Amino acid sequence: MLEDATAGDPLGGTRWVRKTLRLLAKQLKRKGFRVSHETVRHLLAKLRYTLRANRKRRSKKSDPNRDRQMRLIQRTRRRFLKAGKPVISVDTKKKELIGNFKNAGRTWCREAVEVLATDFLSDADGKAIPYGIYDVAQNTGFVVVGTSHETAEFAGAAIRRWWRRVGRVRYAGQNHLLIEADGGGANSSRSWLWKAALQSLADEFDLTITVRHLPPSASKWNLVEHRLFGPISENWAGQPLVSYETVLKYIRTTSTTTGLRCVAYLDRTQYATRLKLSATEKANINLTPHRIFPKWNYTVRPHKPDRAK
C-alpha cells in the first residue's frame, strides 16, 4: 500500500491521490482490519515512515572543479583564522516586501494575525534588501538593509560599513581580509563593478582583499546562509514585516545557543543600476587572479600612494 506510484497518464484521466492516514485506514478496513487512522500513524512510525518534504540537493549542472574549489576555500579559511586574520562570508538575503503581508512560518499566539489577502508590490510600503556579513571567527552577524537595488556598489558599501564599525577595531593591526561569496548577485565573480568596489575599499583602508567564490550550485554551503540568514528567518517566522524598524528589530534580536549575535543598519541610499566601467577603469583595478581557478579566486591590493604628490 505504501509503494510509490511509478507510472501514470494525466492525458488519459489517471489521477494519483496522496495516501493520507484516513485513506490508508479505509483501505485496511476493506482488507478486513479494524484500525483507526491514529493506529495507522503509530504503525507507520514503527516502520520508520514520516511526512517529508522535498530536499534540494541535486543539481542539473555540476562544475567538475566544484569539490576542489570547496576544499580550497576551507584550507584558505583555516589559514586565515589560524593567523588571526579576518574572514567574512557575505551574501544578499531574499528580498522582503514591507507591509502587512503574510510571512512564512508559524508563531505561538492565541489568535492568528490577520494580513492582506494578496502580496502585490503596489500594496507594499517598500522592500527590504538585507546584505549579510558573517564574521566566521567571532560568530557575529552584521546586516545592512537596503531599500533601493541590489548592486555591487551596495554590497561594497555594506562591507565598508562593517570594516569601519567593527572590522578595523576587532582586527587591529591586520591588513588582509578574506571574503567568501557566491558567484552571482551583487558580488558576482564576473562583475567588474564588484571588483571596483573592493578596490575602493582596499585603497581607503590600505587593505589587501582576497576573494574566494563558491562554485555554481554550492551557494547553500556559504556560511552566511545557514549561520546567519537561517536564524534570522526563524526569528521573524510568521511575523508580518510591517516596517523597516520591524525588520531591524528582528535581525538585532536574533541569537542562537552557539552565541550568535547580530547588529543591523538601514541604508536608504538610492543605488543606480546598469552602470558600466570603461576599459581604463577596469585596468586601474589592482587585481591579481590566482593560479588555481582564477575566475573564482583573486586578490585586490591597494594602490601605492603617489610619492610625487
C-alpha atoms as a PDB file:
ATOM      1  CA  MET A   1       0.000   0.000   0.000  1.00  0.00           C
ATOM      2  CA  LEU A   2       2.932   2.329   0.601  1.00  0.00           C
ATOM      3  CA  GLU A   3       4.756   1.698  -2.617  1.00  0.00           C
ATOM      4  CA  ASP A   4       5.352   4.815  -4.680  1.00  0.00           C
ATOM      5  CA  ALA A   5       3.362   5.265  -7.870  1.00  0.00           C
ATOM      6  CA  THR A   6       5.794   4.874 -10.753  1.00  0.00           C
ATOM      7  CA  ALA A   7       3.605   5.456 -13.786  1.00  0.00           C
ATOM      8  CA  GLY A   8       0.581   7.416 -14.858  1.00  0.00           C
ATOM      9  CA  ASP A   9      -1.024   9.113 -17.801  1.00  0.00           C
ATOM     10  CA  PRO A  10      -2.553  12.529 -16.997  1.00  0.00           C
ATOM     11  CA  LEU A  11      -3.901  12.827 -20.549  1.00  0.00           C
ATOM     12  CA  GLY A  12      -5.760   9.541 -20.125  1.00  0.00           C
ATOM     13  CA  GLY A  13      -7.523  10.715 -16.971  1.00  0.00           C
ATOM     14  CA  THR A  14      -5.372   8.814 -14.467  1.00  0.00           C
ATOM     15  CA  ARG A  15      -5.232  10.502 -11.042  1.00  0.00           C
ATOM     16  CA  TRP A  16      -2.856   9.881  -8.204  1.00  0.00           C
ATOM     17  CA  VAL A  17      -4.216  10.544  -4.717  1.00  0.00           C
ATOM     18  CA  ARG A  18      -1.947  11.266  -1.749  1.00  0.00           C
ATOM     19  CA  LYS A  19      -2.234   8.424   0.774  1.00  0.00           C
ATOM     20  CA  THR A  20      -3.379  10.113   3.959  1.00  0.00           C
ATOM     21  CA  LEU A  21      -3.769   8.338   7.298  1.00  0.00           C
ATOM     22  CA  ARG A  22      -7.533   8.122   6.875  1.00  0.00           C
ATOM     23  CA  LEU A  23      -7.206   6.767   3.331  1.00  0.00           C
ATOM     24  CA  LEU A  24      -4.776   4.071   4.495  1.00  0.00           C
ATOM     25  CA  ALA A  25      -7.120   3.152   7.373  1.00  0.00           C
ATOM     26  CA  LYS A  26     -10.019   2.910   4.915  1.00  0.00           C
ATOM     27  CA  GLN A  27      -8.027   0.598   2.633  1.00  0.00           C
ATOM     28  CA  LEU A  28      -7.046  -1.604   5.583  1.00  0.00           C
ATOM     29  CA  LYS A  29     -10.700  -1.894   6.639  1.00  0.00           C
ATOM     30  CA  ARG A  30     -11.537  -3.131   3.152  1.00  0.00           C
ATOM     31  CA  LYS A  31      -8.980  -5.890   3.725  1.00  0.00           C
ATOM     32  CA  GLY A  32     -10.683  -6.930   6.971  1.00  0.00           C
ATOM     33  CA  PHE A  33      -8.585  -4.994   9.514  1.00  0.00           C
ATOM     34  CA  ARG A  34     -10.288  -2.872  12.158  1.00  0.00           C
ATOM     35  CA  VAL A  35      -7.994   0.139  12.699  1.00  0.00           C
ATOM     36  CA  SER A  36      -8.309   3.881  13.112  1.00  0.00           C
ATOM     37  CA  HIS A  37      -6.169   6.498  11.427  1.00  0.00           C
ATOM     38  CA  GLU A  38      -4.309   7.058  14.721  1.00  0.00           C
ATOM     39  CA  THR A  39      -3.358   3.370  14.790  1.00  0.00           C
ATOM     40  CA  VAL A  40      -2.051   3.755  11.249  1.00  0.00           C
ATOM     41  CA  ARG A  41       0.066   6.701  12.444  1.00  0.00           C
ATOM     42  CA  HIS A  42       1.719   4.530  15.125  1.00  0.00           C
ATOM     43  CA  LEU A  43       2.256   1.672  12.675  1.00  0.00           C
ATOM     44  CA  LEU A  44       3.921   3.998  10.194  1.00  0.00           C
ATOM     45  CA  ALA A  45       6.184   5.335  12.934  1.00  0.00           C
ATOM     46  CA  LYS A  46       7.271   1.780  13.791  1.00  0.00           C
ATOM     47  CA  LEU A  47       8.072   1.248  10.114  1.00  0.00           C
ATOM     48  CA  ARG A  48      10.176   4.463  10.208  1.00  0.00           C
ATOM     49  CA  TYR A  49       7.849   6.377   7.904  1.00  0.00           C
ATOM     50  CA  THR A  50       7.369  10.092   8.433  1.00  0.00           C
ATOM     51  CA  LEU A  51       5.997  13.055   6.469  1.00  0.00           C
ATOM     52  CA  ARG A  52       8.852  14.508   4.482  1.00  0.00           C
ATOM     53  CA  ALA A  53       9.262  17.497   2.226  1.00  0.00           C
ATOM     54  CA  ASN A  54      11.374  17.598  -0.933  1.00  0.00           C
ATOM     55  CA  ARG A  55      15.056  18.125  -0.224  1.00  0.00           C
ATOM     56  CA  LYS A  56      17.031  20.450  -2.509  1.00  0.00           C
ATOM     57  CA  ARG A  57      20.342  18.663  -3.019  1.00  0.00           C
ATOM     58  CA  ARG A  58      20.651  17.657  -6.644  1.00  0.00           C
ATOM     59  CA  SER A  59      21.904  19.985  -9.328  1.00  0.00           C
ATOM     60  CA  LYS A  60      21.228  19.849 -13.041  1.00  0.00           C
ATOM     61  CA  LYS A  61      24.651  21.325 -13.723  1.00  0.00           C
ATOM     62  CA  SER A  62      27.669  20.466 -11.626  1.00  0.00           C
ATOM     63  CA  ASP A  63      31.058  22.020 -12.292  1.00  0.00           C
ATOM     64  CA  PRO A  64      33.784  19.364 -12.389  1.00  0.00           C
ATOM     65  CA  ASN A  65      36.010  21.619 -10.276  1.00  0.00           C
ATOM     66  CA  ARG A  66      33.385  22.139  -7.584  1.00  0.00           C
ATOM     67  CA  ASP A  67      34.874  19.881  -4.898  1.00  0.00           C
ATOM     68  CA  ARG A  68      38.388  21.142  -5.477  1.00  0.00           C
ATOM     69  CA  GLN A  69      37.251  24.760  -5.091  1.00  0.00           C
ATOM     70  CA  MET A  70      35.331  23.946  -1.895  1.00  0.00           C
ATOM     71  CA  ARG A  71      38.423  22.299  -0.403  1.00  0.00           C
ATOM     72  CA  LEU A  72      40.490  25.334  -1.399  1.00  0.00           C
ATOM     73  CA  ILE A  73      38.032  27.630   0.381  1.00  0.00           C
ATOM     74  CA  GLN A  74      38.265  25.538   3.553  1.00  0.00           C
ATOM     75  CA  ARG A  75      42.072  25.490   3.506  1.00  0.00           C
ATOM     76  CA  THR A  76      42.282  29.245   2.970  1.00  0.00           C
ATOM     77  CA  ARG A  77      39.754  29.872   5.731  1.00  0.00           C
ATOM     78  CA  ARG A  78      41.713  27.758   8.217  1.00  0.00           C
ATOM     79  CA  ARG A  79      44.975  29.511   7.308  1.00  0.00           C
ATOM     80  CA  PHE A  80      43.485  32.978   7.819  1.00  0.00           C
ATOM     81  CA  LEU A  81      41.790  32.049  11.100  1.00  0.00           C
ATOM     82  CA  LYS A  82      44.981  30.483  12.455  1.00  0.00           C
ATOM     83  CA  ALA A  83      46.852  33.711  11.692  1.00  0.00           C
ATOM     84  CA  GLY A  84      44.152  35.820  13.382  1.00  0.00           C
ATOM     85  CA  LYS A  85      43.147  37.485  10.115  1.00  0.00           C
ATOM     86  CA  PRO A  86      39.519  38.469   9.419  1.00  0.00           C
ATOM     87  CA  VAL A  87      37.319  36.064   7.463  1.00  0.00           C
ATOM     88  CA  ILE A  88      33.809  37.071   6.413  1.00  0.00           C
ATOM     89  CA  SER A  89      31.092  35.265   4.474  1.00  0.00           C
ATOM     90  CA  VAL A  90      28.776  37.583   2.530  1.00  0.00           C
ATOM     91  CA  ASP A  91      25.569  37.364   0.530  1.00  0.00           C
ATOM     92  CA  THR A  92      22.222  39.039  -0.069  1.00  0.00           C
ATOM     93  CA  LYS A  93      19.225  37.506   1.683  1.00  0.00           C
ATOM     94  CA  LYS A  94      15.876  37.129  -0.076  1.00  0.00           C
ATOM     95  CA  LYS A  95      14.191  40.480  -0.630  1.00  0.00           C
ATOM     96  CA  GLU A  96      11.196  41.148   1.636  1.00  0.00           C
ATOM     97  CA  LEU A  97       8.153  43.322   0.982  1.00  0.00           C
ATOM     98  CA  ILE A  98       7.435  45.886   3.696  1.00  0.00           C
ATOM     99  CA  GLY A  99       3.802  45.876   4.751  1.00  0.00           C
ATOM    100  CA  ASN A 100       1.104  43.795   6.394  1.00  0.00           C
ATOM    101  CA  PHE A 101       1.834  40.722   4.282  1.00  0.00           C
ATOM    102  CA  LYS A 102       1.894  37.035   5.180  1.00  0.00           C
ATOM    103  CA  ASN A 103       5.317  35.862   6.314  1.00  0.00           C
ATOM    104  CA  ALA A 104       6.172  32.175   6.023  1.00  0.00           C
ATOM    105  CA  GLY A 105       6.291  30.162   9.218  1.00  0.00           C
ATOM    106  CA  ARG A 106       4.258  29.912  12.419  1.00  0.00           C
ATOM    107  CA  THR A 107       4.477  31.543  15.828  1.00  0.00           C
ATOM    108  CA  TRP A 108       2.903  30.891  19.230  1.00  0.00           C
ATOM    109  CA  CYS A 109      -0.108  33.155  19.798  1.00  0.00           C
ATOM    110  CA  ARG A 110      -3.739  32.941  20.916  1.00  0.00           C
ATOM    111  CA  GLU A 111      -5.142  34.222  17.641  1.00  0.00           C
ATOM    112  CA  ALA A 112      -3.741  34.314  14.123  1.00  0.00           C
ATOM    113  CA  VAL A 113      -2.560  37.701  12.863  1.00  0.00           C
ATOM    114  CA  GLU A 114      -4.742  38.951  10.026  1.00  0.00           C
ATOM    115  CA  VAL A 115      -2.789  40.107   6.995  1.00  0.00           C
ATOM    116  CA  LEU A 116      -3.576  41.224   3.452  1.00  0.00           C
ATOM    117  CA  ALA A 117      -5.027  38.534   1.218  1.00  0.00           C
ATOM    118  CA  THR A 118      -2.649  39.480  -1.611  1.00  0.00           C
ATOM    119  CA  ASP A 119       1.010  40.440  -1.693  1.00  0.00           C
ATOM    120  CA  PHE A 120       1.120  42.816  -4.647  1.00  0.00           C
ATOM    121  CA  LEU A 121       4.163  45.067  -4.920  1.00  0.00           C
ATOM    122  CA  SER A 122       1.844  48.054  -5.352  1.00  0.00           C
ATOM    123  CA  ASP A 123       0.493  47.451  -1.827  1.00  0.00           C
ATOM    124  CA  ALA A 124       3.952  47.454  -0.241  1.00  0.00           C
ATOM    125  CA  ASP A 125       5.482  50.393   1.607  1.00  0.00           C
ATOM    126  CA  GLY A 126       8.880  49.434   0.218  1.00  0.00           C
ATOM    127  CA  LYS A 127      11.233  46.498   0.001  1.00  0.00           C
ATOM    128  CA  ALA A 128      13.998  45.338   2.283  1.00  0.00           C
ATOM    129  CA  ILE A 129      17.250  44.032   0.783  1.00  0.00           C
ATOM    130  CA  PRO A 130      19.317  42.517   3.616  1.00  0.00           C
ATOM    131  CA  TYR A 131      23.023  42.160   2.819  1.00  0.00           C
ATOM    132  CA  GLY A 132      24.628  39.914   5.411  1.00  0.00           C
ATOM    133  CA  ILE A 133      28.227  39.843   6.614  1.00  0.00           C
ATOM    134  CA  TYR A 134      29.064  36.887   8.846  1.00  0.00           C
ATOM    135  CA  ASP A 135      32.287  37.099  10.869  1.00  0.00           C
ATOM    136  CA  VAL A 136      33.461  33.489  10.969  1.00  0.00           C
ATOM    137  CA  ALA A 137      35.929  33.808  13.863  1.00  0.00           C
ATOM    138  CA  GLN A 138      33.608  35.803  16.130  1.00  0.00           C
ATOM    139  CA  ASN A 139      30.298  34.131  15.154  1.00  0.00           C
ATOM    140  CA  THR A 140      28.628  37.510  14.730  1.00  0.00           C
ATOM    141  CA  GLY A 141      26.311  38.895  12.074  1.00  0.00           C
ATOM    142  CA  PHE A 142      26.300  42.364  10.539  1.00  0.00           C
ATOM    143  CA  VAL A 143      23.330  43.105   8.262  1.00  0.00           C
ATOM    144  CA  VAL A 144      22.795  46.206   6.148  1.00  0.00           C
ATOM    145  CA  VAL A 145      19.191  46.539   4.941  1.00  0.00           C
ATOM    146  CA  GLY A 146      18.994  48.380   1.639  1.00  0.00           C
ATOM    147  CA  THR A 147      15.864  49.999   0.234  1.00  0.00           C
ATOM    148  CA  SER A 148      16.656  50.540  -3.462  1.00  0.00           C
ATOM    149  CA  HIS A 149      18.577  47.973  -5.518  1.00  0.00           C
ATOM    150  CA  GLU A 150      20.907  45.012  -5.032  1.00  0.00           C
ATOM    151  CA  THR A 151      24.041  46.318  -6.732  1.00  0.00           C
ATOM    152  CA  ALA A 152      27.776  45.831  -6.408  1.00  0.00           C
ATOM    153  CA  GLU A 153      28.038  49.365  -5.036  1.00  0.00           C
ATOM    154  CA  PHE A 154      25.520  48.470  -2.315  1.00  0.00           C
ATOM    155  CA  ALA A 155      27.484  45.324  -1.419  1.00  0.00           C
ATOM    156  CA  GLY A 156      30.729  47.279  -1.276  1.00  0.00           C
ATOM    157  CA  ALA A 157      29.141  49.953   0.916  1.00  0.00           C
ATOM    158  CA  ALA A 158      27.879  47.283   3.325  1.00  0.00           C
ATOM    159  CA  ILE A 159      31.333  45.721   3.693  1.00  0.00           C
ATOM    160  CA  ARG A 160      32.872  49.173   4.097  1.00  0.00           C
ATOM    161  CA  ARG A 161      30.430  49.929   6.922  1.00  0.00           C
ATOM    162  CA  TRP A 162      31.312  46.634   8.641  1.00  0.00           C
ATOM    163  CA  TRP A 163      35.043  47.334   8.383  1.00  0.00           C
ATOM    164  CA  ARG A 164      34.668  50.893   9.701  1.00  0.00           C
ATOM    165  CA  ARG A 165      32.445  49.994  12.626  1.00  0.00           C
ATOM    166  CA  VAL A 166      33.690  46.518  13.518  1.00  0.00           C
ATOM    167  CA  GLY A 167      36.492  45.047  11.435  1.00  0.00           C
ATOM    168  CA  ARG A 168      39.321  47.520  11.835  1.00  0.00           C
ATOM    169  CA  VAL A 169      38.756  47.677  15.595  1.00  0.00           C
ATOM    170  CA  ARG A 170      38.325  43.945  16.164  1.00  0.00           C
ATOM    171  CA  TYR A 171      41.250  43.092  13.879  1.00  0.00           C
ATOM    172  CA  ALA A 172      43.545  45.995  14.667  1.00  0.00           C
ATOM    173  CA  GLY A 173      46.932  45.536  13.045  1.00  0.00           C
ATOM    174  CA  GLN A 174      45.639  43.164  10.377  1.00  0.00           C
ATOM    175  CA  ASN A 175      45.610  44.377   6.774  1.00  0.00           C
ATOM    176  CA  HIS A 176      44.488  41.257   4.890  1.00  0.00           C
ATOM    177  CA  LEU A 177      40.800  40.326   4.601  1.00  0.00           C
ATOM    178  CA  LEU A 178      39.320  37.091   3.241  1.00  0.00           C
ATOM    179  CA  ILE A 179      35.847  37.269   1.685  1.00  0.00           C
ATOM    180  CA  GLU A 180      33.831  34.139   0.875  1.00  0.00           C
ATOM    181  CA  ALA A 181      30.988  34.915  -1.529  1.00  0.00           C
ATOM    182  CA  ASP A 182      28.612  33.351  -4.014  1.00  0.00           C
ATOM    183  CA  GLY A 183      29.400  33.590  -7.689  1.00  0.00           C
ATOM    184  CA  GLY A 184      26.351  35.666  -8.611  1.00  0.00           C
ATOM    185  CA  GLY A 185      24.257  38.583  -7.442  1.00  0.00           C
ATOM    186  CA  ALA A 186      25.755  41.813  -6.159  1.00  0.00           C
ATOM    187  CA  ASN A 187      29.101  40.107  -5.524  1.00  0.00           C
ATOM    188  CA  SER A 188      29.255  38.193  -8.801  1.00  0.00           C
ATOM    189  CA  SER A 189      32.603  36.703  -9.748  1.00  0.00           C
ATOM    190  CA  ARG A 190      32.118  38.166 -13.244  1.00  0.00           C
ATOM    191  CA  SER A 191      31.238  41.698 -12.100  1.00  0.00           C
ATOM    192  CA  TRP A 192      33.834  44.400 -12.634  1.00  0.00           C
ATOM    193  CA  LEU A 193      31.686  46.763 -10.565  1.00  0.00           C
ATOM    194  CA  TRP A 194      32.116  44.384  -7.598  1.00  0.00           C
ATOM    195  CA  LYS A 195      35.876  44.342  -8.113  1.00  0.00           C
ATOM    196  CA  ALA A 196      35.892  48.147  -8.401  1.00  0.00           C
ATOM    197  CA  ALA A 197      34.009  48.392  -5.081  1.00  0.00           C
ATOM    198  CA  LEU A 198      36.662  46.189  -3.468  1.00  0.00           C
ATOM    199  CA  GLN A 199      39.424  48.351  -4.962  1.00  0.00           C
ATOM    200  CA  SER A 200      37.839  51.432  -3.417  1.00  0.00           C
ATOM    201  CA  LEU A 201      37.726  49.674  -0.046  1.00  0.00           C
ATOM    202  CA  ALA A 202      41.331  48.492  -0.392  1.00  0.00           C
ATOM    203  CA  ASP A 203      42.603  51.989  -1.232  1.00  0.00           C
ATOM    204  CA  GLU A 204      40.626  53.687   1.536  1.00  0.00           C
ATOM    205  CA  PHE A 205      41.920  51.447   4.326  1.00  0.00           C
ATOM    206  CA  ASP A 206      45.202  50.177   2.806  1.00  0.00           C
ATOM    207  CA  LEU A 207      43.660  46.719   2.907  1.00  0.00           C
ATOM    208  CA  THR A 208      44.537  43.642   0.851  1.00  0.00           C
ATOM    209  CA  ILE A 209      41.398  41.665  -0.017  1.00  0.00           C
ATOM    210  CA  THR A 210      41.391  38.031  -1.107  1.00  0.00           C
ATOM    211  CA  VAL A 211      38.119  36.665  -2.524  1.00  0.00           C
ATOM    212  CA  ARG A 212      37.023  33.046  -2.771  1.00  0.00           C
ATOM    213  CA  HIS A 213      33.809  32.496  -4.736  1.00  0.00           C
ATOM    214  CA  LEU A 214      31.723  29.393  -4.187  1.00  0.00           C
ATOM    215  CA  PRO A 215      31.278  27.342  -7.369  1.00  0.00           C
ATOM    216  CA  PRO A 216      27.879  27.116  -9.132  1.00  0.00           C
ATOM    217  CA  SER A 217      25.095  25.294  -7.256  1.00  0.00           C
ATOM    218  CA  ALA A 218      27.042  25.445  -3.979  1.00  0.00           C
ATOM    219  CA  SER A 219      25.619  28.660  -2.512  1.00  0.00           C
ATOM    220  CA  LYS A 220      23.723  26.812   0.226  1.00  0.00           C
ATOM    221  CA  TRP A 221      27.093  25.916   1.773  1.00  0.00           C
ATOM    222  CA  ASN A 222      28.037  29.571   2.099  1.00  0.00           C
ATOM    223  CA  LEU A 223      28.413  30.053   5.866  1.00  0.00           C
ATOM    224  CA  VAL A 224      26.296  33.206   5.923  1.00  0.00           C
ATOM    225  CA  GLU A 225      23.309  31.227   4.619  1.00  0.00           C
ATOM    226  CA  HIS A 226      22.854  28.769   7.479  1.00  0.00           C
ATOM    227  CA  ARG A 227      24.730  30.506  10.300  1.00  0.00           C
ATOM    228  CA  LEU A 228      23.148  33.951   9.885  1.00  0.00           C
ATOM    229  CA  PHE A 229      20.215  34.005   7.456  1.00  0.00           C
ATOM    230  CA  GLY A 230      18.735  30.765   8.819  1.00  0.00           C
ATOM    231  CA  PRO A 231      18.405  32.040  12.415  1.00  0.00           C
ATOM    232  CA  ILE A 232      17.072  35.394  11.166  1.00  0.00           C
ATOM    233  CA  SER A 233      14.332  33.658   9.153  1.00  0.00           C
ATOM    234  CA  GLU A 234      13.404  31.555  12.186  1.00  0.00           C
ATOM    235  CA  ASN A 235      13.279  34.643  14.403  1.00  0.00           C
ATOM    236  CA  TRP A 236      10.742  36.506  12.248  1.00  0.00           C
ATOM    237  CA  ALA A 237       8.831  33.428  11.036  1.00  0.00           C
ATOM    238  CA  GLY A 238       5.092  34.085  10.979  1.00  0.00           C
ATOM    239  CA  GLN A 239       5.524  37.796  11.763  1.00  0.00           C
ATOM    240  CA  PRO A 240       4.437  40.402   9.183  1.00  0.00           C
ATOM    241  CA  LEU A 241       7.294  42.777   8.377  1.00  0.00           C
ATOM    242  CA  VAL A 242       5.175  45.903   8.595  1.00  0.00           C
ATOM    243  CA  SER A 243       8.035  48.427   8.654  1.00  0.00           C
ATOM    244  CA  TYR A 244      11.786  48.761   8.275  1.00  0.00           C
ATOM    245  CA  GLU A 245      12.018  49.177  12.040  1.00  0.00           C
ATOM    246  CA  THR A 246      10.361  45.770  12.419  1.00  0.00           C
ATOM    247  CA  VAL A 247      12.912  44.180  10.083  1.00  0.00           C
ATOM    248  CA  LEU A 248      15.814  45.744  12.005  1.00  0.00           C
ATOM    249  CA  LYS A 249      14.323  44.694  15.345  1.00  0.00           C
ATOM    250  CA  TYR A 250      14.051  41.029  14.395  1.00  0.00           C
ATOM    251  CA  ILE A 251      17.578  40.973  12.978  1.00  0.00           C
ATOM    252  CA  ARG A 252      19.042  42.654  16.072  1.00  0.00           C
ATOM    253  CA  THR A 253      17.282  40.251  18.432  1.00  0.00           C
ATOM    254  CA  THR A 254      18.421  37.140  16.533  1.00  0.00           C
ATOM    255  CA  SER A 255      20.610  34.858  18.624  1.00  0.00           C
ATOM    256  CA  THR A 256      21.477  31.176  18.911  1.00  0.00           C
ATOM    257  CA  THR A 257      22.666  28.822  21.618  1.00  0.00           C
ATOM    258  CA  THR A 258      26.093  28.812  19.953  1.00  0.00           C
ATOM    259  CA  GLY A 259      26.500  32.502  20.745  1.00  0.00           C
ATOM    260  CA  LEU A 260      25.444  34.242  17.526  1.00  0.00           C
ATOM    261  CA  ARG A 261      24.639  37.928  17.926  1.00  0.00           C
ATOM    262  CA  CYS A 262      23.595  40.385  15.207  1.00  0.00           C
ATOM    263  CA  VAL A 263      23.573  44.090  14.504  1.00  0.00           C
ATOM    264  CA  ALA A 264      21.642  45.765  11.708  1.00  0.00           C
ATOM    265  CA  TYR A 265      21.613  49.115   9.932  1.00  0.00           C
ATOM    266  CA  LEU A 266      19.313  50.714   7.380  1.00  0.00           C
ATOM    267  CA  ASP A 267      20.765  52.062   4.140  1.00  0.00           C
ATOM    268  CA  ARG A 268      18.372  54.392   2.316  1.00  0.00           C
ATOM    269  CA  THR A 269      20.867  55.288  -0.430  1.00  0.00           C
ATOM    270  CA  GLN A 270      19.437  55.112  -3.943  1.00  0.00           C
ATOM    271  CA  TYR A 271      21.923  52.965  -5.834  1.00  0.00           C
ATOM    272  CA  ALA A 272      21.993  53.327  -9.601  1.00  0.00           C
ATOM    273  CA  THR A 273      21.637  50.285 -11.851  1.00  0.00           C
ATOM    274  CA  ARG A 274      23.051  49.357 -15.263  1.00  0.00           C
ATOM    275  CA  LEU A 275      26.379  51.061 -14.626  1.00  0.00           C
ATOM    276  CA  LYS A 276      29.421  50.025 -16.661  1.00  0.00           C
ATOM    277  CA  LEU A 277      33.125  50.538 -16.245  1.00  0.00           C
ATOM    278  CA  SER A 278      35.320  51.853 -19.004  1.00  0.00           C
ATOM    279  CA  ALA A 279      38.399  49.971 -20.147  1.00  0.00           C
ATOM    280  CA  THR A 280      40.554  52.495 -18.282  1.00  0.00           C
ATOM    281  CA  GLU A 281      38.638  51.959 -15.038  1.00  0.00           C
ATOM    282  CA  LYS A 282      38.976  48.202 -15.360  1.00  0.00           C
ATOM    283  CA  ALA A 283      42.710  48.490 -15.991  1.00  0.00           C
ATOM    284  CA  ASN A 284      43.045  50.638 -12.866  1.00  0.00           C
ATOM    285  CA  ILE A 285      41.879  47.770 -10.622  1.00  0.00           C
ATOM    286  CA  ASN A 286      44.941  46.261  -8.959  1.00  0.00           C
ATOM    287  CA  LEU A 287      43.688  42.706  -9.277  1.00  0.00           C
ATOM    288  CA  THR A 288      45.781  39.548  -9.253  1.00  0.00           C
ATOM    289  CA  PRO A 289      43.971  36.395 -10.423  1.00  0.00           C
ATOM    290  CA  HIS A 290      45.178  33.250  -8.659  1.00  0.00           C
ATOM    291  CA  ARG A 291      46.787  30.375 -10.493  1.00  0.00           C
ATOM    292  CA  ILE A 292      44.055  27.924  -9.395  1.00  0.00           C
ATOM    293  CA  PHE A 293      40.633  28.774 -10.839  1.00  0.00           C
ATOM    294  CA  PRO A 294      41.364  32.484 -11.485  1.00  0.00           C
ATOM    295  CA  LYS A 295      37.711  33.229 -12.264  1.00  0.00           C
ATOM    296  CA  TRP A 296      36.786  32.278  -8.676  1.00  0.00           C
ATOM    297  CA  ASN A 297      39.917  33.297  -6.776  1.00  0.00           C
ATOM    298  CA  TYR A 298      41.719  36.620  -6.859  1.00  0.00           C
ATOM    299  CA  THR A 299      43.292  39.290  -4.661  1.00  0.00           C
ATOM    300  CA  VAL A 300      42.720  43.046  -4.819  1.00  0.00           C
ATOM    301  CA  ARG A 301      45.598  45.123  -3.442  1.00  0.00           C
ATOM    302  CA  PRO A 302      45.650  48.835  -2.586  1.00  0.00           C
ATOM    303  CA  HIS A 303      47.378  51.187  -4.959  1.00  0.00           C
ATOM    304  CA  LYS A 304      50.688  52.527  -3.747  1.00  0.00           C
ATOM    305  CA  PRO A 305      50.476  56.239  -2.855  1.00  0.00           C
ATOM    306  CA  ASP A 306      51.890  58.613  -5.406  1.00  0.00           C
ATOM    307  CA  ARG A 307      55.068  59.954  -3.758  1.00  0.00           C
ATOM    308  CA  ALA A 308      55.287  62.783  -6.279  1.00  0.00           C
ATOM    309  CA  LYS A 309      52.177  64.497  -4.927  1.00  0.00           C
END
